[in-house]
Amino acid sequence: MTDLLRLSKRMSELGLCSRREADEWIARGWVRVDGQVVSELGSKVTPDQKVTVERQAAAEQSKRVTVLINKPMGYVSGQAEDGYTPAIALIKAENRWPDDPSPEQFHPTQLRSLVPAGRLDIDSVGLLILTQDGRVAKTLIGQDTAIEKEYLVRVQYTKPGTLPESELKKLCFGLWMDGKALLPAKVRWQNEDQLSFTLREGKKRQIRRMCDMVGLKVLGLKRVRIGKVKLGDLPVGQWRYLRPDEQF
């Protein structure tokens, strides 16, 4: 017997869309299995069946925007919490980077379903991605993502002398967190008080906790790259659209 898969899960696996989008498209009659329209939510398919989507789905998907924001300190990534403002509040016409090369026109409807693809702590700054596109979210925060994220971290060693080379090596590989070994990281000195961290995972407050384990106090943390997309010259508190030629 061939295992049956939920159609929305299969569409996500095929990279057609997110599961939520898949359910929307199925309900609208925009999905075909072996040429036949399937409009019942919860429908199942075999892995060898051909899944296609109507042109309307692709057209709607192409209208979904992804934005980059240089998050300032004091803003939370997602939902408002404890009186702190979410980063999405900065996505408005007057905060758009004047040098944004995208021809995309801003419209408040773009704020609907615009969600952070990953998080950045309230006391960290730098590159945060917000997207309406389920494919982008899956690429950045899906279970099997291998997208690198790069951070510049200003640190102070809390013990006498300087950080031993052996402890720097531990930051690269050898630390455990929440009962699991951390994935290998690339950690190197940028200058005498700043490290560059490149990670392929994002546990809560991971860099701060890693630094604490080797006697380093984090004084400032800034994300400068996600995959191939860089923060670049984007000013603090401003945002721009992801360009069509940019790929994570």
Protein backbone atom coordinates (compact mmCIF):
# COMPACT_ATOMS: atom_id res chain seq x y z
CA MET A 1 0.00 0.00 0.00
CA THR A 2 1.27 3.47 -0.92
CA ASP A 3 1.06 5.93 1.95
CA LEU A 4 -1.56 8.64 1.51
CA LEU A 5 -0.56 12.21 2.23
CA ARG A 6 -2.76 15.15 3.04
CA LEU A 7 -2.97 17.24 -0.15
CA SER A 8 -1.99 20.49 1.60
CA LYS A 9 1.11 18.79 3.09
CA ARG A 10 2.06 17.38 -0.32
CA MET A 11 1.71 20.84 -1.91
CA SER A 12 4.01 22.27 0.77
CA GLU A 13 6.54 19.45 0.19
CA LEU A 14 6.51 20.20 -3.54
CA GLY A 15 7.32 23.85 -2.80
CA LEU A 16 4.10 25.10 -4.39
CA CYS A 17 3.00 27.08 -1.32
CA SER A 18 2.58 26.92 2.44
CA ARG A 19 0.00 24.57 3.98
CA ARG A 20 -2.22 27.52 4.88
CA GLU A 21 -2.13 28.77 1.27
CA ALA A 22 -2.81 25.24 0.06
CA ASP A 23 -6.01 25.04 2.12
CA GLU A 24 -7.11 28.42 0.72
CA TRP A 25 -6.46 27.33 -2.86
CA ILE A 26 -8.17 23.97 -2.41
CA ALA A 27 -11.27 25.71 -1.01
CA ARG A 28 -11.31 28.03 -4.03
CA GLY A 29 -11.08 25.16 -6.51
CA TRP A 30 -7.63 26.18 -7.74
CA VAL A 31 -5.96 22.78 -7.22
CA ARG A 32 -6.01 19.78 -9.55
CA VAL A 33 -4.86 16.24 -8.86
CA ASP A 34 -4.19 14.24 -12.04
CA GLY A 35 -6.12 16.94 -13.93
CA GLN A 36 -9.22 16.81 -11.70
CA VAL A 37 -10.23 19.76 -9.49
CA VAL A 38 -10.09 18.84 -5.79
CA SER A 39 -11.94 21.31 -3.55
CA GLU A 40 -12.47 19.29 -0.39
CA LEU A 41 -10.24 20.22 2.55
CA GLY A 42 -8.44 17.25 4.07
CA SER A 43 -8.25 15.38 0.74
CA LYS A 44 -5.40 12.89 0.46
CA VAL A 45 -3.13 11.92 -2.42
CA THR A 46 -0.38 9.42 -3.17
CA PRO A 47 3.19 10.70 -3.76
CA ASP A 48 3.07 9.74 -7.44
CA GLN A 49 -0.10 11.71 -8.27
CA LYS A 50 0.39 14.92 -10.25
CA VAL A 51 -0.59 18.09 -8.38
CA THR A 52 -1.05 21.32 -10.33
CA VAL A 53 -2.48 24.75 -9.49
CA GLU A 54 -4.54 27.16 -11.56
CA ARG A 55 -3.09 30.40 -12.92
CA GLN A 56 -5.13 32.43 -10.41
CA ALA A 57 -3.12 30.88 -7.56
CA ALA A 58 0.22 31.80 -9.13
CA ALA A 59 -1.06 35.32 -9.84
CA GLU A 60 -2.19 35.78 -6.25
CA GLN A 61 1.09 34.41 -4.95
CA SER A 62 3.09 36.84 -7.09
CA LYS A 63 1.31 39.75 -5.39
CA ARG A 64 2.52 38.66 -1.96
CA VAL A 65 5.31 40.84 -0.65
CA THR A 66 8.40 40.21 1.45
CA VAL A 67 10.09 43.08 3.26
CA LEU A 68 13.42 43.58 5.00
CA ILE A 69 13.54 45.83 8.03
CA ASN A 70 16.47 47.04 10.09
CA LYS A 71 14.84 46.44 13.47
CA PRO A 72 15.77 48.93 16.17
CA MET A 73 16.24 47.95 19.81
CA GLY A 74 13.04 47.91 21.87
CA TYR A 75 10.78 46.40 19.20
CA VAL A 76 9.55 42.80 19.33
CA SER A 77 9.60 40.63 16.20
CA GLY A 78 6.08 39.28 16.35
CA GLN A 79 2.95 39.95 18.36
CA ALA A 80 2.84 42.95 20.70
CA GLU A 81 3.81 41.85 24.21
CA ASP A 82 4.14 43.57 27.60
CA GLY A 83 3.45 46.94 26.05
CA TYR A 84 6.29 46.64 23.51
CA THR A 85 5.66 47.57 19.89
CA PRO A 86 5.91 44.90 17.16
CA ALA A 87 8.29 45.58 14.26
CA ILE A 88 5.39 45.52 11.77
CA ALA A 89 4.33 48.91 13.17
CA LEU A 90 7.35 50.38 11.33
CA ILE A 91 6.10 49.16 7.93
CA LYS A 92 4.48 52.35 6.66
CA ALA A 93 5.10 54.66 3.73
CA GLU A 94 7.12 57.24 5.67
CA ASN A 95 9.59 54.61 6.97
CA ARG A 96 10.33 53.10 3.57
CA TRP A 97 14.01 53.49 2.65
CA PRO A 98 14.21 56.30 0.08
CA ASP A 99 16.87 54.31 -1.82
CA ASP A 100 14.70 51.17 -2.13
CA PRO A 101 15.23 50.09 -5.76
CA SER A 102 11.97 48.11 -5.91
CA PRO A 103 9.21 49.47 -8.18
CA GLU A 104 6.63 47.95 -5.80
CA GLN A 105 4.09 50.47 -4.52
CA PHE A 106 3.28 50.37 -0.82
CA HIS A 107 -0.35 49.79 0.13
CA PRO A 108 -1.70 49.12 3.65
CA THR A 109 -3.33 45.89 2.40
CA GLN A 110 0.21 44.46 2.24
CA LEU A 111 0.20 44.45 6.05
CA ARG A 112 -2.44 41.70 6.02
CA SER A 113 -0.86 38.32 6.74
CA LEU A 114 2.59 39.95 6.89
CA VAL A 115 4.39 37.85 9.48
CA PRO A 116 8.00 37.62 10.71
CA ALA A 117 9.96 34.72 9.19
CA GLY A 118 12.12 34.13 12.23
CA ARG A 119 12.67 36.20 15.34
CA LEU A 120 15.10 38.79 16.64
CA ASP A 121 15.22 39.54 20.37
CA ILE A 122 13.88 42.83 21.69
CA ASP A 123 17.41 43.90 22.67
CA SER A 124 18.95 42.87 19.33
CA VAL A 125 18.99 44.92 16.14
CA GLY A 126 19.39 44.35 12.44
CA LEU A 127 17.87 42.29 9.65
CA LEU A 128 14.33 41.00 10.19
CA ILE A 129 12.24 39.50 7.38
CA LEU A 130 8.46 39.89 7.25
CA THR A 131 6.56 38.09 4.51
CA GLN A 132 3.12 37.26 3.12
CA ASP A 133 4.65 34.42 1.09
CA GLY A 134 4.45 30.98 2.68
CA ARG A 135 7.29 29.73 0.50
CA VAL A 136 9.66 32.34 1.96
CA ALA A 137 8.58 31.49 5.52
CA LYS A 138 9.13 27.77 4.87
CA THR A 139 12.59 28.46 3.41
CA LEU A 140 13.66 30.50 6.44
CA ILE A 141 11.97 28.77 9.37
CA GLY A 142 10.90 25.34 8.09
CA GLN A 143 12.00 22.33 10.12
CA ASP A 144 14.73 21.31 7.67
CA THR A 145 16.05 24.78 6.82
CA ALA A 146 19.81 25.11 6.41
CA ILE A 147 19.79 28.87 5.78
CA GLU A 148 22.73 30.60 7.46
CA LYS A 149 22.23 33.70 9.59
CA GLU A 150 25.16 36.01 10.32
CA TYR A 151 25.48 38.28 13.37
CA LEU A 152 28.00 40.84 14.57
CA VAL A 153 28.33 40.59 18.35
CA ARG A 154 30.14 43.10 20.58
CA VAL A 155 31.45 41.28 23.64
CA GLN A 156 33.41 41.75 26.85
CA TYR A 157 35.39 38.94 28.47
CA THR A 158 34.38 38.68 32.13
CA LYS A 159 37.53 36.86 33.30
CA PRO A 160 41.16 38.05 33.51
CA GLY A 161 43.07 38.21 30.23
CA THR A 162 41.56 37.40 26.86
CA LEU A 163 39.28 34.63 25.62
CA PRO A 164 41.40 31.47 25.18
CA GLU A 165 41.53 29.92 21.72
CA SER A 166 40.06 26.71 23.19
CA GLU A 167 36.92 28.62 24.26
CA LEU A 168 36.58 30.18 20.80
CA LYS A 169 36.70 26.65 19.36
CA LYS A 170 33.90 25.65 21.75
CA LEU A 171 31.74 28.43 20.32
CA CYS A 172 32.31 26.90 16.88
CA PHE A 173 31.47 23.39 18.03
CA GLY A 174 31.13 21.59 21.33
CA LEU A 175 28.46 23.45 23.31
CA TRP A 176 25.14 21.94 24.40
CA MET A 177 21.86 23.77 24.92
CA ASP A 178 18.49 22.50 26.14
CA GLY A 179 19.87 18.96 26.29
CA LYS A 180 21.10 18.92 22.68
CA ALA A 181 24.44 19.50 20.98
CA LEU A 182 24.42 22.72 18.98
CA LEU A 183 25.07 22.51 15.25
CA PRO A 184 28.54 23.61 14.13
CA ALA A 185 28.84 27.40 13.87
CA LYS A 186 31.40 29.74 12.33
CA VAL A 187 32.70 32.15 14.96
CA ARG A 188 35.66 34.46 14.39
CA TRP A 189 37.02 37.75 15.69
CA GLN A 190 36.19 40.82 13.58
CA ASN A 191 38.24 43.11 15.81
CA GLU A 192 39.35 43.11 19.45
CA ASP A 193 35.84 43.36 20.91
CA GLN A 194 33.56 42.07 18.16
CA LEU A 195 32.82 38.53 17.00
CA SER A 196 31.10 37.34 13.83
CA PHE A 197 28.69 34.42 14.41
CA THR A 198 27.25 32.41 11.51
CA LEU A 199 24.55 29.94 12.61
CA ARG A 200 22.25 27.44 10.92
CA GLU A 201 19.79 27.27 13.82
CA GLY A 202 18.06 29.80 16.03
CA LYS A 203 17.32 28.71 19.56
CA LYS A 204 15.91 31.38 21.86
CA ARG A 205 18.66 33.84 22.82
CA GLN A 206 21.17 31.33 21.50
CA ILE A 207 24.15 33.63 20.94
CA ARG A 208 23.81 35.32 24.32
CA ARG A 209 23.61 31.94 26.04
CA MET A 210 26.59 30.58 24.05
CA CYS A 211 28.68 33.61 25.01
CA ASP A 212 27.69 33.26 28.67
CA MET A 213 28.96 29.65 28.64
CA VAL A 214 32.50 30.78 27.77
CA GLY A 215 32.61 33.88 30.00
CA LEU A 216 31.66 36.51 27.43
CA LYS A 217 29.12 39.25 28.12
CA VAL A 218 27.17 40.46 25.06
CA LEU A 219 27.11 44.25 24.81
CA GLY A 220 25.43 44.47 21.41
CA LEU A 221 24.02 42.08 18.80
CA LYS A 222 23.18 42.85 15.17
CA ARG A 223 21.99 40.45 12.45
CA VAL A 224 23.57 41.41 9.13
CA ARG A 225 22.69 38.55 6.77
CA ILE A 226 20.10 35.80 6.22
CA GLY A 227 21.19 33.35 3.53
CA LYS A 228 22.38 35.44 0.57
CA VAL A 229 20.34 38.51 1.58
CA LYS A 230 22.32 41.20 3.41
CA LEU A 231 21.24 44.11 5.57
CA GLY A 232 23.62 46.33 3.62
CA ASP A 233 23.06 50.10 3.92
CA LEU A 234 19.45 49.86 5.12
CA PRO A 235 19.15 52.45 7.94
CA VAL A 236 17.85 51.57 11.40
CA GLY A 237 14.05 51.73 11.58
CA GLN A 238 13.61 51.71 7.79
CA TRP A 239 12.48 48.94 5.45
CA ARG A 240 12.58 47.90 1.82
CA TYR A 241 11.06 45.22 -0.40
CA LEU A 242 12.89 42.01 -1.25
CA ARG A 243 13.94 42.41 -4.89
CA PRO A 244 12.82 39.82 -7.47
CA ASP A 245 16.48 38.95 -8.15
CA GLU A 246 17.28 38.32 -4.47
CA GLN A 247 17.24 34.73 -3.22
CA PHE A 248 17.82 33.58 0.33
